[in-house]
Amino acid sequence: VEEFLAAATNGQTGPLVRLLTEDAISIGDGGGKVPARAKAFEGAVA
């Protein structure tokens, strides 16, 4: 988690892309109460 967060906050996407699988996904659940994208992000770069 520490490595992941360091990569996610260093201002560049490259280090984070290297930690992710090529087909990685990101999903959020806000339940309509907190903004969260309804459709998952797909792919390491996205």
All heavy atoms as atom14 arrays in JSON, in Angstrom:
{
  "sequence": "VEEFLAAATNGQTGPLVRLLTEDAISIGDGGGKVPARAKAFEGAVA",
  "atom14_mask": [
    [1, 1, 1, 1, 1, 1, 1, 0, 0, 0, 0, 0, 0, 0],
    [1, 1, 1, 1, 1, 1, 1, 1, 1, 0, 0, 0, 0, 0],
    [1, 1, 1, 1, 1, 1, 1, 1, 1, 0, 0, 0, 0, 0],
    [1, 1, 1, 1, 1, 1, 1, 1, 1, 1, 1, 0, 0, 0],
    [1, 1, 1, 1, 1, 1, 1, 1, 0, 0, 0, 0, 0, 0],
    [1, 1, 1, 1, 1, 0, 0, 0, 0, 0, 0, 0, 0, 0],
    [1, 1, 1, 1, 1, 0, 0, 0, 0, 0, 0, 0, 0, 0],
    [1, 1, 1, 1, 1, 0, 0, 0, 0, 0, 0, 0, 0, 0],
    [1, 1, 1, 1, 1, 1, 1, 0, 0, 0, 0, 0, 0, 0],
    [1, 1, 1, 1, 1, 1, 1, 1, 0, 0, 0, 0, 0, 0],
    [1, 1, 1, 1, 0, 0, 0, 0, 0, 0, 0, 0, 0, 0],
    [1, 1, 1, 1, 1, 1, 1, 1, 1, 0, 0, 0, 0, 0],
    [1, 1, 1, 1, 1, 1, 1, 0, 0, 0, 0, 0, 0, 0],
    [1, 1, 1, 1, 0, 0, 0, 0, 0, 0, 0, 0, 0, 0],
    [1, 1, 1, 1, 1, 1, 1, 0, 0, 0, 0, 0, 0, 0],
    [1, 1, 1, 1, 1, 1, 1, 1, 0, 0, 0, 0, 0, 0],
    [1, 1, 1, 1, 1, 1, 1, 0, 0, 0, 0, 0, 0, 0],
    [1, 1, 1, 1, 1, 1, 1, 1, 1, 1, 1, 0, 0, 0],
    [1, 1, 1, 1, 1, 1, 1, 1, 0, 0, 0, 0, 0, 0],
    [1, 1, 1, 1, 1, 1, 1, 1, 0, 0, 0, 0, 0, 0],
    [1, 1, 1, 1, 1, 1, 1, 0, 0, 0, 0, 0, 0, 0],
    [1, 1, 1, 1, 1, 1, 1, 1, 1, 0, 0, 0, 0, 0],
    [1, 1, 1, 1, 1, 1, 1, 1, 0, 0, 0, 0, 0, 0],
    [1, 1, 1, 1, 1, 0, 0, 0, 0, 0, 0, 0, 0, 0],
    [1, 1, 1, 1, 1, 1, 1, 1, 0, 0, 0, 0, 0, 0],
    [1, 1, 1, 1, 1, 1, 0, 0, 0, 0, 0, 0, 0, 0],
    [1, 1, 1, 1, 1, 1, 1, 1, 0, 0, 0, 0, 0, 0],
    [1, 1, 1, 1, 0, 0, 0, 0, 0, 0, 0, 0, 0, 0],
    [1, 1, 1, 1, 1, 1, 1, 1, 0, 0, 0, 0, 0, 0],
    [1, 1, 1, 1, 0, 0, 0, 0, 0, 0, 0, 0, 0, 0],
    [1, 1, 1, 1, 0, 0, 0, 0, 0, 0, 0, 0, 0, 0],
    [1, 1, 1, 1, 0, 0, 0, 0, 0, 0, 0, 0, 0, 0],
    [1, 1, 1, 1, 1, 1, 1, 1, 1, 0, 0, 0, 0, 0],
    [1, 1, 1, 1, 1, 1, 1, 0, 0, 0, 0, 0, 0, 0],
    [1, 1, 1, 1, 1, 1, 1, 0, 0, 0, 0, 0, 0, 0],
    [1, 1, 1, 1, 1, 0, 0, 0, 0, 0, 0, 0, 0, 0],
    [1, 1, 1, 1, 1, 1, 1, 1, 1, 1, 1, 0, 0, 0],
    [1, 1, 1, 1, 1, 0, 0, 0, 0, 0, 0, 0, 0, 0],
    [1, 1, 1, 1, 1, 1, 1, 1, 1, 0, 0, 0, 0, 0],
    [1, 1, 1, 1, 1, 0, 0, 0, 0, 0, 0, 0, 0, 0],
    [1, 1, 1, 1, 1, 1, 1, 1, 1, 1, 1, 0, 0, 0],
    [1, 1, 1, 1, 1, 1, 1, 1, 1, 0, 0, 0, 0, 0],
    [1, 1, 1, 1, 0, 0, 0, 0, 0, 0, 0, 0, 0, 0],
    [1, 1, 1, 1, 1, 0, 0, 0, 0, 0, 0, 0, 0, 0],
    [1, 1, 1, 1, 1, 1, 1, 0, 0, 0, 0, 0, 0, 0],
    [1, 1, 1, 1, 1, 0, 0, 0, 0, 0, 0, 0, 0, 0]
  ],
  "atom14_positions": [
    [[0.83, -1.2, 0.0], [0.0, 0.0, 0.0], [0.87, 1.25, 0.0], [0.59, 2.22, -0.72], [-0.95, 0.01, 1.22], [-1.77, 1.3, 1.24], [-1.9, -1.19, 1.17], [0.0, 0.0, 0.0], [0.0, 0.0, 0.0], [0.0, 0.0, 0.0], [0.0, 0.0, 0.0], [0.0, 0.0, 0.0], [0.0, 0.0, 0.0], [0.0, 0.0, 0.0]],
    [[1.92, 1.24, 0.79], [2.82, 2.39, 0.84], [3.44, 2.67, -0.53], [3.5, 3.82, -0.98], [3.91, 2.16, 1.89], [3.38, 2.22, 3.32], [4.42, 1.81, 4.34], [5.57, 1.54, 3.95], [4.09, 1.76, 5.55], [0.0, 0.0, 0.0], [0.0, 0.0, 0.0], [0.0, 0.0, 0.0], [0.0, 0.0, 0.0], [0.0, 0.0, 0.0]],
    [[3.89, 1.61, -1.19], [4.48, 1.76, -2.52], [3.43, 2.25, -3.52], [3.69, 3.13, -4.35], [5.07, 0.43, -2.98], [5.8, 0.51, -4.32], [6.37, -0.82, -4.77], [6.12, -1.85, -4.11], [7.06, -0.85, -5.82], [0.0, 0.0, 0.0], [0.0, 0.0, 0.0], [0.0, 0.0, 0.0], [0.0, 0.0, 0.0], [0.0, 0.0, 0.0]],
    [[2.24, 1.69, -3.43], [1.14, 2.07, -4.32], [0.78, 3.54, -4.14], [0.63, 4.28, -5.12], [-0.07, 1.17, -4.02], [-1.36, 1.61, -4.65], [-1.64, 1.33, -5.97], [-2.31, 2.3, -3.9], [-2.83, 1.72, -6.55], [-3.51, 2.7, -4.46], [-3.76, 2.41, -5.8], [0.0, 0.0, 0.0], [0.0, 0.0, 0.0], [0.0, 0.0, 0.0]],
    [[0.64, 3.97, -2.89], [0.25, 5.35, -2.63], [1.36, 6.33, -3.02], [1.09, 7.42, -3.52], [-0.11, 5.53, -1.15], [-1.41, 4.84, -0.71], [-1.58, 4.94, 0.8], [-2.62, 5.41, -1.43], [0.0, 0.0, 0.0], [0.0, 0.0, 0.0], [0.0, 0.0, 0.0], [0.0, 0.0, 0.0], [0.0, 0.0, 0.0], [0.0, 0.0, 0.0]],
    [[2.61, 5.93, -2.82], [3.72, 6.78, -3.24], [3.69, 6.98, -4.75], [3.9, 8.09, -5.26], [5.05, 6.16, -2.81], [0.0, 0.0, 0.0], [0.0, 0.0, 0.0], [0.0, 0.0, 0.0], [0.0, 0.0, 0.0], [0.0, 0.0, 0.0], [0.0, 0.0, 0.0], [0.0, 0.0, 0.0], [0.0, 0.0, 0.0], [0.0, 0.0, 0.0]],
    [[3.4, 5.91, -5.49], [3.32, 6.0, -6.95], [2.12, 6.82, -7.39], [2.18, 7.54, -8.4], [3.26, 4.59, -7.55], [0.0, 0.0, 0.0], [0.0, 0.0, 0.0], [0.0, 0.0, 0.0], [0.0, 0.0, 0.0], [0.0, 0.0, 0.0], [0.0, 0.0, 0.0], [0.0, 0.0, 0.0], [0.0, 0.0, 0.0], [0.0, 0.0, 0.0]],
    [[1.01, 6.72, -6.63], [-0.23, 7.41, -7.02], [-0.17, 8.9, -6.73], [-1.0, 9.66, -7.25], [-1.42, 6.78, -6.3], [0.0, 0.0, 0.0], [0.0, 0.0, 0.0], [0.0, 0.0, 0.0], [0.0, 0.0, 0.0], [0.0, 0.0, 0.0], [0.0, 0.0, 0.0], [0.0, 0.0, 0.0], [0.0, 0.0, 0.0], [0.0, 0.0, 0.0]],
    [[0.79, 9.33, -5.93], [0.82, 10.75, -5.52], [2.08, 11.48, -5.95], [2.3, 12.61, -5.52], [0.68, 10.85, -3.98], [1.72, 10.08, -3.35], [-0.68, 10.34, -3.52], [0.0, 0.0, 0.0], [0.0, 0.0, 0.0], [0.0, 0.0, 0.0], [0.0, 0.0, 0.0], [0.0, 0.0, 0.0], [0.0, 0.0, 0.0], [0.0, 0.0, 0.0]],
    [[2.91, 10.85, -6.78], [4.18, 11.51, -7.13], [4.07, 12.41, -8.35], [5.07, 12.97, -8.8], [5.29, 10.47, -7.31], [5.22, 9.76, -8.66], [4.22, 9.87, -9.38], [6.25, 9.01, -8.99], [0.0, 0.0, 0.0], [0.0, 0.0, 0.0], [0.0, 0.0, 0.0], [0.0, 0.0, 0.0], [0.0, 0.0, 0.0], [0.0, 0.0, 0.0]],
    [[2.86, 12.54, -8.91], [2.67, 13.47, -10.03], [2.9, 12.88, -11.4], [2.73, 13.55, -12.4], [0.0, 0.0, 0.0], [0.0, 0.0, 0.0], [0.0, 0.0, 0.0], [0.0, 0.0, 0.0], [0.0, 0.0, 0.0], [0.0, 0.0, 0.0], [0.0, 0.0, 0.0], [0.0, 0.0, 0.0], [0.0, 0.0, 0.0], [0.0, 0.0, 0.0]],
    [[3.3, 11.6, -11.47], [3.51, 10.94, -12.75], [2.79, 9.59, -12.74], [2.75, 8.91, -11.71], [5.01, 10.72, -13.0], [5.81, 12.01, -13.1], [7.28, 11.73, -13.31], [7.72, 10.6, -13.22], [8.04, 12.78, -13.59], [0.0, 0.0, 0.0], [0.0, 0.0, 0.0], [0.0, 0.0, 0.0], [0.0, 0.0, 0.0], [0.0, 0.0, 0.0]],
    [[2.23, 9.21, -13.87], [1.48, 7.96, -13.92], [2.37, 6.74, -14.18], [1.98, 5.61, -13.88], [0.39, 8.02, -15.02], [1.02, 8.3, -16.27], [-0.64, 9.1, -14.69], [0.0, 0.0, 0.0], [0.0, 0.0, 0.0], [0.0, 0.0, 0.0], [0.0, 0.0, 0.0], [0.0, 0.0, 0.0], [0.0, 0.0, 0.0], [0.0, 0.0, 0.0]],
    [[3.57, 6.96, -14.74], [4.44, 5.84, -15.11], [4.71, 4.85, -13.98], [4.52, 3.64, -14.15], [0.0, 0.0, 0.0], [0.0, 0.0, 0.0], [0.0, 0.0, 0.0], [0.0, 0.0, 0.0], [0.0, 0.0, 0.0], [0.0, 0.0, 0.0], [0.0, 0.0, 0.0], [0.0, 0.0, 0.0], [0.0, 0.0, 0.0], [0.0, 0.0, 0.0]],
    [[5.17, 5.32, -12.79], [5.44, 4.38, -11.7], [4.22, 3.58, -11.28], [4.33, 2.41, -10.92], [5.92, 5.3, -10.57], [6.44, 6.51, -11.25], [5.57, 6.69, -12.46], [0.0, 0.0, 0.0], [0.0, 0.0, 0.0], [0.0, 0.0, 0.0], [0.0, 0.0, 0.0], [0.0, 0.0, 0.0], [0.0, 0.0, 0.0], [0.0, 0.0, 0.0]],
    [[3.05, 4.19, -11.34], [1.82, 3.5, -10.96], [1.44, 2.46, -12.01], [1.03, 1.35, -11.67], [0.69, 4.51, -10.77], [-0.63, 3.97, -10.19], [-0.4, 3.2, -8.9], [-1.6, 5.12, -9.96], [0.0, 0.0, 0.0], [0.0, 0.0, 0.0], [0.0, 0.0, 0.0], [0.0, 0.0, 0.0], [0.0, 0.0, 0.0], [0.0, 0.0, 0.0]],
    [[1.6, 2.81, -13.28], [1.3, 1.85, -14.35], [2.12, 0.59, -14.18], [1.64, -0.53, -14.38], [1.57, 2.48, -15.73], [1.55, 1.43, -16.83], [0.53, 3.56, -16.04], [0.0, 0.0, 0.0], [0.0, 0.0, 0.0], [0.0, 0.0, 0.0], [0.0, 0.0, 0.0], [0.0, 0.0, 0.0], [0.0, 0.0, 0.0], [0.0, 0.0, 0.0]],
    [[3.37, 0.74, -13.75], [4.24, -0.43, -13.59], [3.8, -1.34, -12.45], [4.13, -2.53, -12.44], [5.69, 0.04, -13.37], [6.33, 0.6, -14.65], [7.82, 0.8, -14.49], [8.14, 1.94, -13.63], [8.23, 3.21, -14.09], [8.02, 3.47, -15.37], [8.56, 4.18, -13.27], [0.0, 0.0, 0.0], [0.0, 0.0, 0.0], [0.0, 0.0, 0.0]],
    [[3.05, -0.81, -11.5], [2.56, -1.63, -10.39], [1.29, -2.39, -10.74], [0.92, -3.35, -10.07], [2.28, -0.76, -9.15], [3.48, -0.12, -8.47], [3.02, 0.75, -7.31], [4.46, -1.18, -7.97], [0.0, 0.0, 0.0], [0.0, 0.0, 0.0], [0.0, 0.0, 0.0], [0.0, 0.0, 0.0], [0.0, 0.0, 0.0], [0.0, 0.0, 0.0]],
    [[0.61, -1.93, -11.81], [-0.69, -2.5, -12.2], [-0.52, -3.57, -13.27], [0.43, -3.54, -14.05], [-1.6, -1.4, -12.73], [-1.92, -0.25, -11.76], [-2.55, 0.92, -12.53], [-2.86, -0.71, -10.65], [0.0, 0.0, 0.0], [0.0, 0.0, 0.0], [0.0, 0.0, 0.0], [0.0, 0.0, 0.0], [0.0, 0.0, 0.0], [0.0, 0.0, 0.0]],
    [[-1.47, -4.52, -13.3], [-1.5, -5.45, -14.42], [-2.03, -4.71, -15.64], [-2.71, -3.68, -15.52], [-2.4, -6.66, -14.13], [-3.75, -6.2, -13.92], [-1.93, -7.43, -12.91], [0.0, 0.0, 0.0], [0.0, 0.0, 0.0], [0.0, 0.0, 0.0], [0.0, 0.0, 0.0], [0.0, 0.0, 0.0], [0.0, 0.0, 0.0], [0.0, 0.0, 0.0]],
    [[-1.74, -5.2, -16.81], [-2.14, -4.52, -18.04], [-3.66, -4.35, -18.12], [-4.16, -3.35, -18.64], [-1.64, -5.31, -19.25], [-1.83, -4.6, -20.58], [-1.23, -5.37, -21.74], [-0.36, -6.24, -21.5], [-1.64, -5.11, -22.89], [0.0, 0.0, 0.0], [0.0, 0.0, 0.0], [0.0, 0.0, 0.0], [0.0, 0.0, 0.0], [0.0, 0.0, 0.0]],
    [[-4.4, -5.34, -17.6], [-5.87, -5.28, -17.67], [-6.49, -4.89, -16.33], [-7.63, -5.26, -16.02], [-6.43, -6.63, -18.13], [-6.02, -7.78, -17.2], [-5.16, -7.56, -16.32], [-6.58, -8.89, -17.34], [0.0, 0.0, 0.0], [0.0, 0.0, 0.0], [0.0, 0.0, 0.0], [0.0, 0.0, 0.0], [0.0, 0.0, 0.0], [0.0, 0.0, 0.0]],
    [[-5.77, -4.13, -15.53], [-6.27, -3.71, -14.21], [-7.58, -2.93, -14.35], [-7.85, -2.3, -15.38], [-5.22, -2.85, -13.51], [0.0, 0.0, 0.0], [0.0, 0.0, 0.0], [0.0, 0.0, 0.0], [0.0, 0.0, 0.0], [0.0, 0.0, 0.0], [0.0, 0.0, 0.0], [0.0, 0.0, 0.0], [0.0, 0.0, 0.0], [0.0, 0.0, 0.0]],
    [[-8.39, -2.99, -13.29], [-9.64, -2.23, -13.26], [-9.71, -1.43, -11.96], [-9.05, -1.76, -10.97], [-10.88, -3.13, -13.36], [-10.95, -4.11, -12.16], [-10.91, -3.89, -14.67], [-12.28, -4.81, -12.02], [0.0, 0.0, 0.0], [0.0, 0.0, 0.0], [0.0, 0.0, 0.0], [0.0, 0.0, 0.0], [0.0, 0.0, 0.0], [0.0, 0.0, 0.0]],
    [[-10.51, -0.38, -11.97], [-10.78, 0.4, -10.76], [-12.28, 0.63, -10.68], [-12.91, 1.08, -11.65], [-10.04, 1.74, -10.8], [-10.35, 2.51, -9.66], [0.0, 0.0, 0.0], [0.0, 0.0, 0.0], [0.0, 0.0, 0.0], [0.0, 0.0, 0.0], [0.0, 0.0, 0.0], [0.0, 0.0, 0.0], [0.0, 0.0, 0.0], [0.0, 0.0, 0.0]],
    [[-12.85, 0.3, -9.52], [-14.3, 0.4, -9.31], [-14.55, 1.15, -8.01], [-13.85, 0.93, -7.02], [-14.95, -1.0, -9.22], [-14.62, -1.84, -10.45], [-16.46, -0.9, -9.06], [-15.05, -3.29, -10.33], [0.0, 0.0, 0.0], [0.0, 0.0, 0.0], [0.0, 0.0, 0.0], [0.0, 0.0, 0.0], [0.0, 0.0, 0.0], [0.0, 0.0, 0.0]],
    [[-15.56, 2.0, -8.0], [-15.93, 2.72, -6.78], [-17.4, 2.55, -6.46], [-18.24, 2.41, -7.35], [0.0, 0.0, 0.0], [0.0, 0.0, 0.0], [0.0, 0.0, 0.0], [0.0, 0.0, 0.0], [0.0, 0.0, 0.0], [0.0, 0.0, 0.0], [0.0, 0.0, 0.0], [0.0, 0.0, 0.0], [0.0, 0.0, 0.0], [0.0, 0.0, 0.0]],
    [[-17.73, 2.53, -5.17], [-19.11, 2.42, -4.7], [-19.41, 3.61, -3.81], [-18.91, 3.7, -2.68], [-19.27, 1.1, -3.91], [-20.68, 0.92, -3.34], [-21.48, 1.86, -3.4], [-20.96, -0.19, -2.84], [0.0, 0.0, 0.0], [0.0, 0.0, 0.0], [0.0, 0.0, 0.0], [0.0, 0.0, 0.0], [0.0, 0.0, 0.0], [0.0, 0.0, 0.0]],
    [[-20.2, 4.54, -4.34], [-20.61, 5.7, -3.55], [-22.06, 5.62, -3.12], [-22.53, 6.46, -2.34], [0.0, 0.0, 0.0], [0.0, 0.0, 0.0], [0.0, 0.0, 0.0], [0.0, 0.0, 0.0], [0.0, 0.0, 0.0], [0.0, 0.0, 0.0], [0.0, 0.0, 0.0], [0.0, 0.0, 0.0], [0.0, 0.0, 0.0], [0.0, 0.0, 0.0]],
    [[-22.78, 4.62, -3.64], [-24.18, 4.43, -3.24], [-25.08, 5.61, -3.54], [-26.16, 5.74, -2.96], [0.0, 0.0, 0.0], [0.0, 0.0, 0.0], [0.0, 0.0, 0.0], [0.0, 0.0, 0.0], [0.0, 0.0, 0.0], [0.0, 0.0, 0.0], [0.0, 0.0, 0.0], [0.0, 0.0, 0.0], [0.0, 0.0, 0.0], [0.0, 0.0, 0.0]],
    [[-24.65, 6.48, -4.45], [-25.46, 7.66, -4.77], [-25.3, 8.77, -3.75], [-25.91, 9.83, -3.88], [0.0, 0.0, 0.0], [0.0, 0.0, 0.0], [0.0, 0.0, 0.0], [0.0, 0.0, 0.0], [0.0, 0.0, 0.0], [0.0, 0.0, 0.0], [0.0, 0.0, 0.0], [0.0, 0.0, 0.0], [0.0, 0.0, 0.0], [0.0, 0.0, 0.0]],
    [[-24.46, 8.55, -2.72], [-24.29, 9.55, -1.66], [-22.96, 10.28, -1.76], [-22.82, 11.4, -1.27], [-24.4, 8.86, -0.29], [-25.76, 8.18, -0.11], [-25.98, 7.67, 1.28], [-27.4, 7.13, 1.39], [-27.72, 6.71, 2.76], [0.0, 0.0, 0.0], [0.0, 0.0, 0.0], [0.0, 0.0, 0.0], [0.0, 0.0, 0.0], [0.0, 0.0, 0.0]],
    [[-21.99, 9.64, -2.37], [-20.67, 10.23, -2.62], [-20.35, 10.0, -4.09], [-20.58, 8.88, -4.59], [-19.59, 9.59, -1.73], [-18.2, 10.11, -2.09], [-19.89, 9.87, -0.25], [0.0, 0.0, 0.0], [0.0, 0.0, 0.0], [0.0, 0.0, 0.0], [0.0, 0.0, 0.0], [0.0, 0.0, 0.0], [0.0, 0.0, 0.0], [0.0, 0.0, 0.0]],
    [[-19.85, 10.99, -4.81], [-19.57, 10.78, -6.24], [-18.64, 9.6, -6.48], [-17.6, 9.47, -5.84], [-18.91, 12.1, -6.65], [-19.42, 13.11, -5.69], [-19.57, 12.38, -4.39], [0.0, 0.0, 0.0], [0.0, 0.0, 0.0], [0.0, 0.0, 0.0], [0.0, 0.0, 0.0], [0.0, 0.0, 0.0], [0.0, 0.0, 0.0], [0.0, 0.0, 0.0]],
    [[-19.05, 8.72, -7.37], [-18.23, 7.57, -7.76], [-18.65, 7.18, -9.16], [-19.85, 7.06, -9.44], [-18.42, 6.39, -6.8], [0.0, 0.0, 0.0], [0.0, 0.0, 0.0], [0.0, 0.0, 0.0], [0.0, 0.0, 0.0], [0.0, 0.0, 0.0], [0.0, 0.0, 0.0], [0.0, 0.0, 0.0], [0.0, 0.0, 0.0], [0.0, 0.0, 0.0]],
    [[-17.7, 6.98, -10.03], [-18.0, 6.67, -11.42], [-18.75, 5.35, -11.52], [-18.36, 4.34, -10.93], [-16.68, 6.59, -12.21], [-16.83, 6.26, -13.68], [-15.43, 6.19, -14.29], [-15.4, 5.49, -15.55], [-15.41, 6.05, -16.74], [-15.49, 7.35, -16.82], [-15.32, 5.33, -17.84], [0.0, 0.0, 0.0], [0.0, 0.0, 0.0], [0.0, 0.0, 0.0]],
    [[-19.87, 5.35, -12.26], [-20.71, 4.16, -12.37], [-20.03, 3.05, -13.17], [-20.24, 1.88, -12.91], [-22.05, 4.51, -12.99], [0.0, 0.0, 0.0], [0.0, 0.0, 0.0], [0.0, 0.0, 0.0], [0.0, 0.0, 0.0], [0.0, 0.0, 0.0], [0.0, 0.0, 0.0], [0.0, 0.0, 0.0], [0.0, 0.0, 0.0], [0.0, 0.0, 0.0]],
    [[-19.2, 3.43, -14.13], [-18.54, 2.45, -14.99], [-17.09, 2.29, -14.55], [-16.42, 3.27, -14.24], [-18.59, 2.9, -16.46], [-18.15, 1.86, -17.46], [-18.39, 2.37, -18.87], [-18.04, 1.32, -19.92], [-16.63, 0.91, -19.88], [0.0, 0.0, 0.0], [0.0, 0.0, 0.0], [0.0, 0.0, 0.0], [0.0, 0.0, 0.0], [0.0, 0.0, 0.0]],
    [[-16.61, 1.05, -14.52], [-15.24, 0.81, -14.07], [-14.23, 1.38, -15.06], [-14.46, 1.39, -16.27], [-15.02, -0.7, -13.92], [0.0, 0.0, 0.0], [0.0, 0.0, 0.0], [0.0, 0.0, 0.0], [0.0, 0.0, 0.0], [0.0, 0.0, 0.0], [0.0, 0.0, 0.0], [0.0, 0.0, 0.0], [0.0, 0.0, 0.0], [0.0, 0.0, 0.0]],
    [[-13.11, 1.86, -14.55], [-11.96, 2.2, -15.39], [-11.25, 0.9, -15.72], [-11.06, 0.04, -14.85], [-11.0, 3.14, -14.65], [-11.54, 4.53, -14.47], [-12.25, 4.87, -13.32], [-11.35, 5.49, -15.45], [-12.75, 6.15, -13.15], [-11.84, 6.78, -15.29], [-12.55, 7.12, -14.14], [0.0, 0.0, 0.0], [0.0, 0.0, 0.0], [0.0, 0.0, 0.0]],
    [[-10.83, 0.74, -16.97], [-10.21, -0.51, -17.41], [-8.88, -0.24, -18.08], [-8.76, 0.68, -18.9], [-11.15, -1.25, -18.37], [-12.48, -1.64, -17.74], [-13.38, -2.38, -18.72], [-12.96, -2.6, -19.86], [-14.51, -2.74, -18.33], [0.0, 0.0, 0.0], [0.0, 0.0, 0.0], [0.0, 0.0, 0.0], [0.0, 0.0, 0.0], [0.0, 0.0, 0.0]],
    [[-7.88, -1.05, -17.74], [-6.55, -0.91, -18.32], [-5.65, -0.1, -17.4], [-6.09, 0.85, -16.73], [0.0, 0.0, 0.0], [0.0, 0.0, 0.0], [0.0, 0.0, 0.0], [0.0, 0.0, 0.0], [0.0, 0.0, 0.0], [0.0, 0.0, 0.0], [0.0, 0.0, 0.0], [0.0, 0.0, 0.0], [0.0, 0.0, 0.0], [0.0, 0.0, 0.0]],
    [[-4.37, -0.48, -17.35], [-3.42, 0.12, -16.42], [-3.32, 1.63, -16.59], [-3.29, 2.38, -15.61], [-2.05, -0.53, -16.59], [0.0, 0.0, 0.0], [0.0, 0.0, 0.0], [0.0, 0.0, 0.0], [0.0, 0.0, 0.0], [0.0, 0.0, 0.0], [0.0, 0.0, 0.0], [0.0, 0.0, 0.0], [0.0, 0.0, 0.0], [0.0, 0.0, 0.0]],
    [[-3.25, 2.1, -17.82], [-3.07, 3.54, -18.06], [-4.29, 4.32, -17.58], [-4.17, 5.34, -16.9], [-2.79, 3.81, -19.55], [-2.78, 5.32, -19.82], [-1.46, 3.19, -19.97], [0.0, 0.0, 0.0], [0.0, 0.0, 0.0], [0.0, 0.0, 0.0], [0.0, 0.0, 0.0], [0.0, 0.0, 0.0], [0.0, 0.0, 0.0], [0.0, 0.0, 0.0]],
    [[-5.49, 3.82, -17.92], [-6.72, 4.51, -17.52], [-6.85, 4.53, -15.99], [-7.24, 5.55, -15.4], [-7.94, 3.83, -18.15], [0.0, 0.0, 0.0], [0.0, 0.0, 0.0], [0.0, 0.0, 0.0], [0.0, 0.0, 0.0], [0.0, 0.0, 0.0], [0.0, 0.0, 0.0], [0.0, 0.0, 0.0], [0.0, 0.0, 0.0], [0.0, 0.0, 0.0]]
  ]
}
